[in-house]
Protein backbone atom coordinates (compact mmCIF):
# COMPACT_ATOMS: atom_id res chain seq x y z
CA MET A 1 -10.02 -19.54 96.16
CA SER A 2 -13.63 -18.66 95.34
CA ASP A 3 -14.30 -17.27 98.85
CA GLN A 4 -11.31 -14.95 98.51
CA LEU A 5 -11.96 -14.04 94.90
CA TYR A 6 -15.73 -13.58 94.75
CA GLN A 7 -16.16 -10.99 97.46
CA ASP A 8 -19.46 -9.21 98.06
CA ARG A 9 -18.53 -6.12 96.03
CA ILE A 10 -17.72 -8.19 92.94
CA VAL A 11 -20.92 -10.21 93.31
CA ALA A 12 -22.91 -6.97 93.69
CA LEU A 13 -21.41 -5.53 90.49
CA ALA A 14 -22.30 -8.69 88.58
CA LYS A 15 -25.85 -8.74 89.97
CA ALA A 16 -26.36 -5.05 89.12
CA LYS A 17 -26.01 -5.93 85.42
CA THR A 18 -25.48 -2.24 84.58
CA GLY A 19 -25.61 -1.93 80.81
CA ALA A 20 -26.58 -5.55 80.23
CA GLY A 21 -28.34 -6.11 76.95
CA LYS A 22 -28.05 -5.04 73.34
CA LEU A 23 -28.50 -1.64 71.70
CA ALA A 24 -31.07 -1.46 68.91
CA ASN A 25 -28.92 0.72 66.63
CA PRO A 26 -25.32 0.82 67.87
CA THR A 27 -22.78 3.06 66.18
CA LYS A 28 -20.22 0.34 66.71
CA SER A 29 -20.07 -3.14 68.15
CA ALA A 30 -17.30 -5.61 68.93
CA ARG A 31 -16.99 -9.11 70.32
CA ARG A 32 -14.00 -10.54 72.13
CA ASP A 33 -13.45 -14.12 73.25
CA ASN A 34 -11.08 -15.57 75.80
CA PRO A 35 -10.17 -18.99 74.40
CA LEU A 36 -8.58 -20.08 77.67
CA CYS A 37 -11.73 -19.89 79.76
CA GLY A 38 -14.53 -19.55 77.21
CA ASP A 39 -15.68 -16.06 78.24
CA ARG A 40 -17.28 -14.02 75.46
CA VAL A 41 -18.17 -10.32 75.59
CA THR A 42 -20.04 -8.27 73.01
CA ILE A 43 -20.07 -4.50 73.52
CA ASP A 44 -22.41 -2.13 71.67
CA VAL A 45 -21.89 1.64 71.79
CA ARG A 46 -23.75 4.63 70.47
CA LEU A 47 -21.35 7.54 69.94
CA ASP A 48 -21.97 11.26 69.57
CA GLY A 49 -20.31 13.39 66.87
CA GLN A 50 -17.18 13.88 69.01
CA GLY A 51 -16.66 10.15 69.63
CA ARG A 52 -18.01 10.16 73.19
CA ILE A 53 -20.10 7.25 74.37
CA GLN A 54 -23.77 8.20 74.61
CA GLU A 55 -24.99 4.71 75.37
CA ILE A 56 -23.36 1.36 76.04
CA ALA A 57 -24.64 -2.19 76.34
CA HIS A 58 -22.96 -5.53 76.84
CA GLN A 59 -23.74 -9.18 76.46
CA VAL A 60 -21.52 -11.45 78.54
CA ARG A 61 -21.33 -15.19 78.36
CA GLY A 62 -18.75 -15.77 81.00
CA CYS A 63 -17.74 -15.98 84.60
CA LEU A 64 -18.81 -13.72 87.44
CA LEU A 65 -15.62 -11.66 87.15
CA CYS A 66 -16.26 -10.91 83.50
CA GLN A 67 -19.89 -10.02 84.22
CA ALA A 68 -18.88 -7.75 87.11
CA SER A 69 -16.22 -6.03 85.02
CA ALA A 70 -18.64 -5.35 82.14
CA SER A 71 -21.15 -3.92 84.61
CA ALA A 72 -18.51 -1.72 86.28
CA LEU A 73 -17.23 -0.51 82.92
CA SER A 74 -20.75 0.32 81.74
CA SER A 75 -21.41 2.29 84.91
CA VAL A 76 -18.61 4.77 84.12
CA ALA A 77 -18.34 4.73 80.30
CA VAL A 78 -21.11 7.12 79.25
CA GLY A 79 -19.74 10.54 78.35
CA ARG A 80 -16.19 9.28 77.79
CA ASP A 81 -14.24 9.09 74.55
CA ALA A 82 -11.50 6.57 73.74
CA ALA A 83 -8.92 8.50 75.82
CA GLY A 84 -11.31 8.56 78.77
CA ILE A 85 -11.79 4.81 78.51
CA VAL A 86 -8.00 4.34 78.54
CA ALA A 87 -7.93 6.18 81.90
CA VAL A 88 -10.68 3.91 83.23
CA ARG A 89 -8.75 0.87 81.98
CA HIS A 90 -5.76 2.02 84.04
CA ASP A 91 -7.99 1.96 87.14
CA ALA A 92 -8.89 -1.66 86.40
CA GLU A 93 -5.24 -2.54 85.78
CA ARG A 94 -4.23 -0.93 89.09
CA ALA A 95 -6.93 -2.89 90.87
CA ILE A 96 -5.71 -6.25 89.57
CA GLY A 97 -2.06 -5.44 90.20
CA ARG A 98 -0.85 -4.86 86.65
CA GLU A 99 -0.06 -1.20 87.38
CA GLN A 100 1.09 0.61 90.50
CA GLY A 101 -1.26 2.88 92.41
CA GLU A 102 -4.70 3.08 93.89
CA ALA A 103 -7.70 2.09 91.79
CA ALA A 104 -10.79 4.29 91.75
CA GLU A 105 -14.33 3.05 92.25
CA PRO A 106 -15.87 0.83 91.11
CA PHE A 107 -12.71 -1.00 90.01
CA SER A 108 -11.13 -1.18 93.45
CA ALA A 109 -13.56 -4.06 94.03
CA PHE A 110 -11.33 -6.22 91.82
CA ALA A 111 -8.31 -6.02 94.14
CA PRO A 112 -8.64 -9.72 95.15
CA VAL A 113 -7.99 -10.69 91.50
CA ALA A 114 -4.39 -9.43 91.79
CA ALA A 115 -3.50 -12.67 93.56
CA HIS A 116 -4.99 -14.80 90.75
CA LYS A 117 -3.09 -14.01 87.56
CA ALA A 118 -5.04 -16.51 85.48
CA ARG A 119 -8.29 -14.66 86.26
CA GLN A 120 -7.06 -11.17 85.37
CA GLU A 121 -7.98 -11.66 81.71
CA CYS A 122 -11.58 -12.23 82.79
CA VAL A 123 -11.66 -8.72 84.25
CA MET A 124 -9.97 -7.15 81.23
CA LEU A 125 -12.04 -8.82 78.46
CA PRO A 126 -14.83 -6.17 78.46
CA PHE A 127 -12.12 -3.49 78.08
CA GLU A 128 -10.69 -5.32 75.08
CA ALA A 129 -14.12 -5.47 73.44
CA LEU A 130 -14.76 -1.78 74.10
CA LYS A 131 -11.31 -0.81 72.81
CA GLU A 132 -12.06 -2.65 69.57
CA ALA A 133 -15.51 -1.02 69.30
CA LEU A 134 -13.96 2.44 69.72
CA SER A 135 -11.17 1.90 67.19
């Protein structure tokens, strides 16, 4: 399973660690846990006056899929508001087979996860944390 699941593109996203860390003065912050696997994600955001993300950071204690997803999300989140993040979430859900259609980059890298339903929550956990931070 791991050879099929942890393809080079997913490993590269995790290694990139885009957005990894903590913001000094976030506008909002949220933490989400996955009790089934033990993954934990904390997302910090700094928002502008219109609710758009100016800066994002994440701390992930979790599997490679969760790390890669947080990195991918951070790479496209700046400049988006909550509605824009919903659109990005749909790309991730298309990639893992929860929605029909083609997933945009960088989320198309998660296509192998579609065959592993139990691991889909690992990919979606950073989105859950960001949704909470933006609410």
